[in-house]
Amino acid sequence: MKVGYRKLGWVLGAVVALALLPARADAQFVRYSPIFWSFEGGAGLALPMGDLGDTAESGVTFSFGAAYFLNPRLALRAEGGLDLLGTTGTTATTDPDLQIWHFTGGFEYHLTDPTGNTMIAFDLGLGGANFDTSIFTAADGSLGAFQNTYLAANGGLKLGYNFARHGATGTPIATIFIQGDIHVMFADEAETARYASLAGNTTGFGTAIEVPITAGIRFNIP
């Protein structure tokens, strides 16, 4: 039994030692990407769809993200965004601003070589979305506001052109891109009913869908 424990200790020790090795120290077994990190920012148009589109109007969106490459085509991704939407209403007192903050984490996969001239990549993520309105006059004449955070999922497709290459490695330093996303936010009908009543809706929205379309620039660190 002691021999068994000793062998188990050796195995665990070896696993810990391997885990402590530099993440990109040995490319003999795993082909690592010449890009370590990427950071990006963009701006564009946010389009509310479905039940959310019955209450909120299209507006502007701002996005930012970061990716850490696990191999030449796959990266861990974290991203956030802010959408500034209007609200369908009949008077100024029933037309509050709606802010939606997005924050998600997930994966990014490149269909083309990230070191080539063009970039085609898609991403999938899971996180949250925070809804926040300015104070409004509800359908019953009382003052109200809406603020809550819900589970959210997103997917996106990015098309870009790489330029300004790193002299020593040839890795592209910058990428200009356009991107289309879909955000699915799992709201609560009871909590959104008062806000939805501003547009004459008798019920709130449970699943909110939004499509941001952005253009931006991405910087790569080799």
C-alpha atoms as a PDB file:
ATOM      1  CA  MET A   1       0.000   0.000   0.000  1.00  0.00           C
ATOM      2  CA  LYS A   2       2.866   2.385   0.823  1.00  0.00           C
ATOM      3  CA  VAL A   3       4.389   1.659  -2.604  1.00  0.00           C
ATOM      4  CA  GLY A   4       1.059   2.545  -4.214  1.00  0.00           C
ATOM      5  CA  TYR A   5       0.891   5.853  -2.353  1.00  0.00           C
ATOM      6  CA  ARG A   6       4.495   6.562  -3.308  1.00  0.00           C
ATOM      7  CA  LYS A   7       3.773   5.974  -6.999  1.00  0.00           C
ATOM      8  CA  LEU A   8       0.696   8.167  -6.765  1.00  0.00           C
ATOM      9  CA  GLY A   9       2.818  10.898  -5.199  1.00  0.00           C
ATOM     10  CA  TRP A  10       5.341  10.641  -8.046  1.00  0.00           C
ATOM     11  CA  VAL A  11       2.563  10.946 -10.625  1.00  0.00           C
ATOM     12  CA  LEU A  12       0.995  13.940  -8.892  1.00  0.00           C
ATOM     13  CA  GLY A  13       4.391  15.558  -8.527  1.00  0.00           C
ATOM     14  CA  ALA A  14       5.085  15.095 -12.224  1.00  0.00           C
ATOM     15  CA  VAL A  15       1.706  16.624 -13.118  1.00  0.00           C
ATOM     16  CA  VAL A  16       2.387  19.649 -10.913  1.00  0.00           C
ATOM     17  CA  ALA A  17       5.868  20.062 -12.397  1.00  0.00           C
ATOM     18  CA  LEU A  18       4.464  20.009 -15.946  1.00  0.00           C
ATOM     19  CA  ALA A  19       1.757  22.487 -14.990  1.00  0.00           C
ATOM     20  CA  LEU A  20       4.388  24.896 -13.685  1.00  0.00           C
ATOM     21  CA  LEU A  21       6.354  24.875 -16.931  1.00  0.00           C
ATOM     22  CA  PRO A  22       6.074  28.067 -19.013  1.00  0.00           C
ATOM     23  CA  ALA A  23       2.899  27.868 -21.074  1.00  0.00           C
ATOM     24  CA  ARG A  24       4.718  28.326 -24.398  1.00  0.00           C
ATOM     25  CA  ALA A  25       8.159  27.030 -23.531  1.00  0.00           C
ATOM     26  CA  ASP A  26       8.052  23.856 -25.626  1.00  0.00           C
ATOM     27  CA  ALA A  27       6.587  23.795 -29.137  1.00  0.00           C
ATOM     28  CA  GLN A  28       7.747  20.234 -29.826  1.00  0.00           C
ATOM     29  CA  PHE A  29       4.405  18.692 -28.897  1.00  0.00           C
ATOM     30  CA  VAL A  30       1.982  21.616 -29.332  1.00  0.00           C
ATOM     31  CA  ARG A  31       2.045  24.156 -32.148  1.00  0.00           C
ATOM     32  CA  TYR A  32       1.509  27.548 -30.552  1.00  0.00           C
ATOM     33  CA  SER A  33       0.313  30.655 -32.318  1.00  0.00           C
ATOM     34  CA  PRO A  34       2.852  33.431 -32.984  1.00  0.00           C
ATOM     35  CA  ILE A  35       0.197  35.757 -31.518  1.00  0.00           C
ATOM     36  CA  PHE A  36      -0.058  35.798 -27.721  1.00  0.00           C
ATOM     37  CA  TRP A  37      -2.768  38.401 -27.115  1.00  0.00           C
ATOM     38  CA  SER A  38      -5.201  40.475 -29.152  1.00  0.00           C
ATOM     39  CA  PHE A  39      -7.107  43.553 -28.000  1.00  0.00           C
ATOM     40  CA  GLU A  40      -9.888  45.237 -29.947  1.00  0.00           C
ATOM     41  CA  GLY A  41     -12.475  47.976 -29.890  1.00  0.00           C
ATOM     42  CA  GLY A  42     -15.333  48.908 -32.182  1.00  0.00           C
ATOM     43  CA  ALA A  43     -18.496  50.942 -32.626  1.00  0.00           C
ATOM     44  CA  GLY A  44     -21.607  50.629 -34.735  1.00  0.00           C
ATOM     45  CA  LEU A  45     -25.358  50.064 -34.785  1.00  0.00           C
ATOM     46  CA  ALA A  46     -27.419  47.987 -32.335  1.00  0.00           C
ATOM     47  CA  LEU A  47     -30.663  46.473 -33.627  1.00  0.00           C
ATOM     48  CA  PRO A  48     -33.203  45.133 -31.083  1.00  0.00           C
ATOM     49  CA  MET A  49     -35.201  42.196 -32.429  1.00  0.00           C
ATOM     50  CA  GLY A  50     -38.325  40.240 -31.491  1.00  0.00           C
ATOM     51  CA  ASP A  51     -40.168  41.285 -28.330  1.00  0.00           C
ATOM     52  CA  LEU A  52     -37.358  43.666 -27.357  1.00  0.00           C
ATOM     53  CA  GLY A  53     -37.738  45.346 -30.750  1.00  0.00           C
ATOM     54  CA  ASP A  54     -41.412  45.995 -29.957  1.00  0.00           C
ATOM     55  CA  THR A  55     -40.340  48.255 -27.086  1.00  0.00           C
ATOM     56  CA  ALA A  56     -36.789  49.473 -27.760  1.00  0.00           C
ATOM     57  CA  GLU A  57     -35.550  51.344 -30.804  1.00  0.00           C
ATOM     58  CA  SER A  58     -32.221  50.870 -32.581  1.00  0.00           C
ATOM     59  CA  GLY A  59     -29.231  52.837 -31.325  1.00  0.00           C
ATOM     60  CA  VAL A  60     -25.460  52.892 -31.119  1.00  0.00           C
ATOM     61  CA  THR A  61     -23.157  50.232 -29.704  1.00  0.00           C
ATOM     62  CA  PHE A  62     -19.579  50.197 -28.415  1.00  0.00           C
ATOM     63  CA  SER A  63     -17.590  46.993 -28.000  1.00  0.00           C
ATOM     64  CA  PHE A  64     -14.240  45.910 -26.584  1.00  0.00           C
ATOM     65  CA  GLY A  65     -12.574  42.524 -26.248  1.00  0.00           C
ATOM     66  CA  ALA A  66      -9.414  40.557 -25.565  1.00  0.00           C
ATOM     67  CA  ALA A  67      -8.250  37.132 -26.780  1.00  0.00           C
ATOM     68  CA  TYR A  68      -5.474  34.806 -25.588  1.00  0.00           C
ATOM     69  CA  PHE A  69      -4.370  32.255 -28.190  1.00  0.00           C
ATOM     70  CA  LEU A  70      -4.155  28.615 -27.138  1.00  0.00           C
ATOM     71  CA  ASN A  71      -2.991  27.494 -30.600  1.00  0.00           C
ATOM     72  CA  PRO A  72      -2.745  29.100 -34.052  1.00  0.00           C
ATOM     73  CA  ARG A  73      -6.520  29.240 -34.518  1.00  0.00           C
ATOM     74  CA  LEU A  74      -8.204  28.858 -31.132  1.00  0.00           C
ATOM     75  CA  ALA A  75      -8.262  31.545 -28.455  1.00  0.00           C
ATOM     76  CA  LEU A  76      -9.917  32.209 -25.124  1.00  0.00           C
ATOM     77  CA  ARG A  77     -11.999  35.369 -25.391  1.00  0.00           C
ATOM     78  CA  ALA A  78     -13.479  37.958 -23.029  1.00  0.00           C
ATOM     79  CA  GLU A  79     -15.603  40.804 -24.316  1.00  0.00           C
ATOM     80  CA  GLY A  80     -17.894  43.576 -23.228  1.00  0.00           C
ATOM     81  CA  GLY A  81     -20.119  46.153 -24.812  1.00  0.00           C
ATOM     82  CA  LEU A  82     -22.515  49.007 -24.233  1.00  0.00           C
ATOM     83  CA  ASP A  83     -25.680  49.544 -26.277  1.00  0.00           C
ATOM     84  CA  LEU A  84     -27.548  52.856 -26.079  1.00  0.00           C
ATOM     85  CA  LEU A  85     -31.102  52.402 -27.300  1.00  0.00           C
ATOM     86  CA  GLY A  86     -34.199  54.545 -27.449  1.00  0.00           C
ATOM     87  CA  THR A  87     -37.689  53.480 -26.396  1.00  0.00           C
ATOM     88  CA  THR A  88     -40.842  53.491 -28.491  1.00  0.00           C
ATOM     89  CA  GLY A  89     -43.127  56.061 -26.848  1.00  0.00           C
ATOM     90  CA  THR A  90     -45.610  58.806 -27.605  1.00  0.00           C
ATOM     91  CA  THR A  91     -44.248  61.620 -25.417  1.00  0.00           C
ATOM     92  CA  ALA A  92     -40.905  62.713 -24.062  1.00  0.00           C
ATOM     93  CA  THR A  93     -41.867  61.497 -20.577  1.00  0.00           C
ATOM     94  CA  THR A  94     -42.399  57.942 -21.872  1.00  0.00           C
ATOM     95  CA  ASP A  95     -39.267  57.764 -24.039  1.00  0.00           C
ATOM     96  CA  PRO A  96     -36.410  56.879 -21.661  1.00  0.00           C
ATOM     97  CA  ASP A  97     -32.938  55.854 -22.689  1.00  0.00           C
ATOM     98  CA  LEU A  98     -32.144  52.138 -22.373  1.00  0.00           C
ATOM     99  CA  GLN A  99     -28.574  51.067 -21.670  1.00  0.00           C
ATOM    100  CA  ILE A 100     -27.542  47.436 -22.027  1.00  0.00           C
ATOM    101  CA  TRP A 101     -24.110  46.412 -20.741  1.00  0.00           C
ATOM    102  CA  HIS A 102     -22.796  43.078 -22.032  1.00  0.00           C
ATOM    103  CA  PHE A 103     -19.994  41.031 -20.482  1.00  0.00           C
ATOM    104  CA  THR A 104     -19.200  37.512 -21.693  1.00  0.00           C
ATOM    105  CA  GLY A 105     -16.398  34.975 -21.853  1.00  0.00           C
ATOM    106  CA  GLY A 106     -15.875  32.116 -24.275  1.00  0.00           C
ATOM    107  CA  PHE A 107     -13.902  30.974 -27.288  1.00  0.00           C
ATOM    108  CA  GLU A 108     -12.791  32.438 -30.604  1.00  0.00           C
ATOM    109  CA  TYR A 109     -11.920  30.279 -33.612  1.00  0.00           C
ATOM    110  CA  HIS A 110     -10.206  31.484 -36.794  1.00  0.00           C
ATOM    111  CA  LEU A 111     -11.257  29.896 -40.070  1.00  0.00           C
ATOM    112  CA  THR A 112      -8.220  31.451 -41.764  1.00  0.00           C
ATOM    113  CA  ASP A 113      -4.607  31.738 -40.629  1.00  0.00           C
ATOM    114  CA  PRO A 114      -4.469  34.742 -38.225  1.00  0.00           C
ATOM    115  CA  THR A 115      -1.031  35.616 -39.628  1.00  0.00           C
ATOM    116  CA  GLY A 116      -2.303  35.842 -43.221  1.00  0.00           C
ATOM    117  CA  ASN A 117      -3.749  38.891 -44.968  1.00  0.00           C
ATOM    118  CA  THR A 118      -7.405  38.240 -44.166  1.00  0.00           C
ATOM    119  CA  MET A 119      -9.194  37.263 -40.980  1.00  0.00           C
ATOM    120  CA  ILE A 120     -12.389  35.230 -40.774  1.00  0.00           C
ATOM    121  CA  ALA A 121     -13.277  34.214 -37.226  1.00  0.00           C
ATOM    122  CA  PHE A 122     -16.311  33.385 -35.143  1.00  0.00           C
ATOM    123  CA  ASP A 123     -16.812  33.427 -31.394  1.00  0.00           C
ATOM    124  CA  LEU A 124     -19.220  32.006 -28.838  1.00  0.00           C
ATOM    125  CA  GLY A 125     -19.647  33.243 -25.302  1.00  0.00           C
ATOM    126  CA  LEU A 126     -21.739  33.139 -22.151  1.00  0.00           C
ATOM    127  CA  GLY A 127     -22.160  35.794 -19.498  1.00  0.00           C
ATOM    128  CA  GLY A 128     -24.579  38.503 -18.463  1.00  0.00           C
ATOM    129  CA  ALA A 129     -26.440  41.569 -19.680  1.00  0.00           C
ATOM    130  CA  ASN A 130     -27.409  44.502 -17.467  1.00  0.00           C
ATOM    131  CA  PHE A 131     -30.507  46.522 -18.450  1.00  0.00           C
ATOM    132  CA  ASP A 132     -30.742  50.073 -17.099  1.00  0.00           C
ATOM    133  CA  THR A 133     -33.231  52.815 -18.012  1.00  0.00           C
ATOM    134  CA  SER A 134     -33.521  56.431 -17.047  1.00  0.00           C
ATOM    135  CA  ILE A 135     -36.584  57.356 -14.958  1.00  0.00           C
ATOM    136  CA  PHE A 136     -39.789  57.168 -16.980  1.00  0.00           C
ATOM    137  CA  THR A 137     -43.516  57.749 -16.569  1.00  0.00           C
ATOM    138  CA  ALA A 138     -45.285  54.377 -16.683  1.00  0.00           C
ATOM    139  CA  ALA A 139     -48.601  53.689 -18.399  1.00  0.00           C
ATOM    140  CA  ASP A 140     -50.462  54.236 -15.108  1.00  0.00           C
ATOM    141  CA  GLY A 141     -48.905  57.695 -14.712  1.00  0.00           C
ATOM    142  CA  SER A 142     -46.441  56.750 -11.963  1.00  0.00           C
ATOM    143  CA  LEU A 143     -42.701  57.219 -12.152  1.00  0.00           C
ATOM    144  CA  GLY A 144     -40.588  54.105 -12.688  1.00  0.00           C
ATOM    145  CA  ALA A 145     -37.237  52.736 -13.772  1.00  0.00           C
ATOM    146  CA  PHE A 146     -35.927  49.371 -14.853  1.00  0.00           C
ATOM    147  CA  GLN A 147     -32.600  47.869 -13.858  1.00  0.00           C
ATOM    148  CA  ASN A 148     -31.652  44.196 -13.758  1.00  0.00           C
ATOM    149  CA  THR A 149     -28.996  41.735 -14.885  1.00  0.00           C
ATOM    150  CA  TYR A 150     -29.780  38.518 -16.760  1.00  0.00           C
ATOM    151  CA  LEU A 151     -27.980  35.508 -18.145  1.00  0.00           C
ATOM    152  CA  ALA A 152     -26.899  36.080 -21.746  1.00  0.00           C
ATOM    153  CA  ALA A 153     -25.260  34.210 -24.625  1.00  0.00           C
ATOM    154  CA  ASN A 154     -23.677  35.592 -27.750  1.00  0.00           C
ATOM    155  CA  GLY A 155     -22.182  34.552 -31.050  1.00  0.00           C
ATOM    156  CA  GLY A 156     -20.381  36.597 -33.665  1.00  0.00           C
ATOM    157  CA  LEU A 157     -18.662  36.520 -37.048  1.00  0.00           C
ATOM    158  CA  LYS A 158     -15.695  38.789 -37.775  1.00  0.00           C
ATOM    159  CA  LEU A 159     -14.197  39.686 -41.182  1.00  0.00           C
ATOM    160  CA  GLY A 160     -10.944  41.612 -41.216  1.00  0.00           C
ATOM    161  CA  TYR A 161      -7.800  42.685 -43.043  1.00  0.00           C
ATOM    162  CA  ASN A 162      -4.383  42.378 -41.367  1.00  0.00           C
ATOM    163  CA  PHE A 163      -1.677  45.019 -41.843  1.00  0.00           C
ATOM    164  CA  ALA A 164       1.341  46.712 -40.197  1.00  0.00           C
ATOM    165  CA  ARG A 165       3.364  43.542 -39.671  1.00  0.00           C
ATOM    166  CA  HIS A 166       5.969  42.993 -36.977  1.00  0.00           C
ATOM    167  CA  GLY A 167       9.398  43.262 -38.549  1.00  0.00           C
ATOM    168  CA  ALA A 168      11.072  40.355 -36.759  1.00  0.00           C
ATOM    169  CA  THR A 169       8.298  37.778 -37.001  1.00  0.00           C
ATOM    170  CA  GLY A 170       6.029  39.004 -39.802  1.00  0.00           C
ATOM    171  CA  THR A 171       3.055  38.769 -37.436  1.00  0.00           C
ATOM    172  CA  PRO A 172       0.346  41.343 -38.248  1.00  0.00           C
ATOM    173  CA  ILE A 173       0.219  43.991 -35.554  1.00  0.00           C
ATOM    174  CA  ALA A 174      -3.161  45.462 -36.480  1.00  0.00           C
ATOM    175  CA  THR A 175      -6.425  44.349 -38.074  1.00  0.00           C
ATOM    176  CA  ILE A 176      -9.352  46.418 -39.279  1.00  0.00           C
ATOM    177  CA  PHE A 177     -12.624  44.492 -39.119  1.00  0.00           C
ATOM    178  CA  ILE A 178     -16.380  44.447 -39.388  1.00  0.00           C
ATOM    179  CA  GLN A 179     -18.402  42.163 -37.134  1.00  0.00           C
ATOM    180  CA  GLY A 180     -21.958  40.980 -36.745  1.00  0.00           C
ATOM    181  CA  ASP A 181     -23.157  39.548 -33.429  1.00  0.00           C
ATOM    182  CA  ILE A 182     -26.305  38.136 -31.946  1.00  0.00           C
ATOM    183  CA  HIS A 183     -27.025  38.609 -28.239  1.00  0.00           C
ATOM    184  CA  VAL A 184     -29.668  36.442 -26.595  1.00  0.00           C
ATOM    185  CA  MET A 185     -30.645  37.680 -23.124  1.00  0.00           C
ATOM    186  CA  PHE A 186     -32.897  35.634 -20.857  1.00  0.00           C
ATOM    187  CA  ALA A 187     -35.000  38.296 -19.148  1.00  0.00           C
ATOM    188  CA  ASP A 188     -38.086  37.930 -16.952  1.00  0.00           C
ATOM    189  CA  GLU A 189     -41.515  38.887 -18.343  1.00  0.00           C
ATOM    190  CA  ALA A 190     -42.830  40.102 -14.991  1.00  0.00           C
ATOM    191  CA  GLU A 191     -39.818  42.360 -14.416  1.00  0.00           C
ATOM    192  CA  THR A 192     -39.875  43.852 -17.918  1.00  0.00           C
ATOM    193  CA  ALA A 193     -43.671  44.353 -18.133  1.00  0.00           C
ATOM    194  CA  ARG A 194     -43.716  47.909 -16.769  1.00  0.00           C
ATOM    195  CA  TYR A 195     -41.033  49.038 -19.190  1.00  0.00           C
ATOM    196  CA  ALA A 196     -42.703  47.242 -22.126  1.00  0.00           C
ATOM    197  CA  SER A 197     -45.995  48.996 -21.304  1.00  0.00           C
ATOM    198  CA  LEU A 198     -44.453  52.254 -22.554  1.00  0.00           C
ATOM    199  CA  ALA A 199     -44.885  50.933 -26.102  1.00  0.00           C
ATOM    200  CA  GLY A 200     -48.415  49.737 -25.412  1.00  0.00           C
ATOM    201  CA  ASN A 201     -47.422  46.113 -24.836  1.00  0.00           C
ATOM    202  CA  THR A 202     -49.593  44.203 -22.385  1.00  0.00           C
ATOM    203  CA  THR A 203     -46.802  41.798 -21.404  1.00  0.00           C
ATOM    204  CA  GLY A 204     -43.060  42.067 -20.901  1.00  0.00           C
ATOM    205  CA  PHE A 205     -40.373  40.238 -22.839  1.00  0.00           C
ATOM    206  CA  GLY A 206     -38.783  37.017 -21.607  1.00  0.00           C
ATOM    207  CA  THR A 207     -36.113  36.416 -24.232  1.00  0.00           C
ATOM    208  CA  ALA A 208     -34.519  39.571 -25.625  1.00  0.00           C
ATOM    209  CA  ILE A 209     -32.560  39.408 -28.878  1.00  0.00           C
ATOM    210  CA  GLU A 210     -30.224  42.074 -30.179  1.00  0.00           C
ATOM    211  CA  VAL A 211     -27.988  42.278 -33.258  1.00  0.00           C
ATOM    212  CA  PRO A 212     -25.035  44.695 -33.026  1.00  0.00           C
ATOM    213  CA  ILE A 213     -23.092  45.438 -36.237  1.00  0.00           C
ATOM    214  CA  THR A 214     -19.712  47.066 -35.603  1.00  0.00           C
ATOM    215  CA  ALA A 215     -16.500  48.175 -37.275  1.00  0.00           C
ATOM    216  CA  GLY A 216     -13.237  48.477 -35.392  1.00  0.00           C
ATOM    217  CA  ILE A 217      -9.552  47.840 -35.026  1.00  0.00           C
ATOM    218  CA  ARG A 218      -7.674  44.991 -33.360  1.00  0.00           C
ATOM    219  CA  PHE A 219      -4.096  44.994 -32.084  1.00  0.00           C
ATOM    220  CA  ASN A 220      -2.027  41.798 -31.821  1.00  0.00           C
ATOM    221  CA  ILE A 221       0.891  41.141 -29.485  1.00  0.00           C
ATOM    222  CA  PRO A 222       3.375  38.559 -30.883  1.00  0.00           C
END
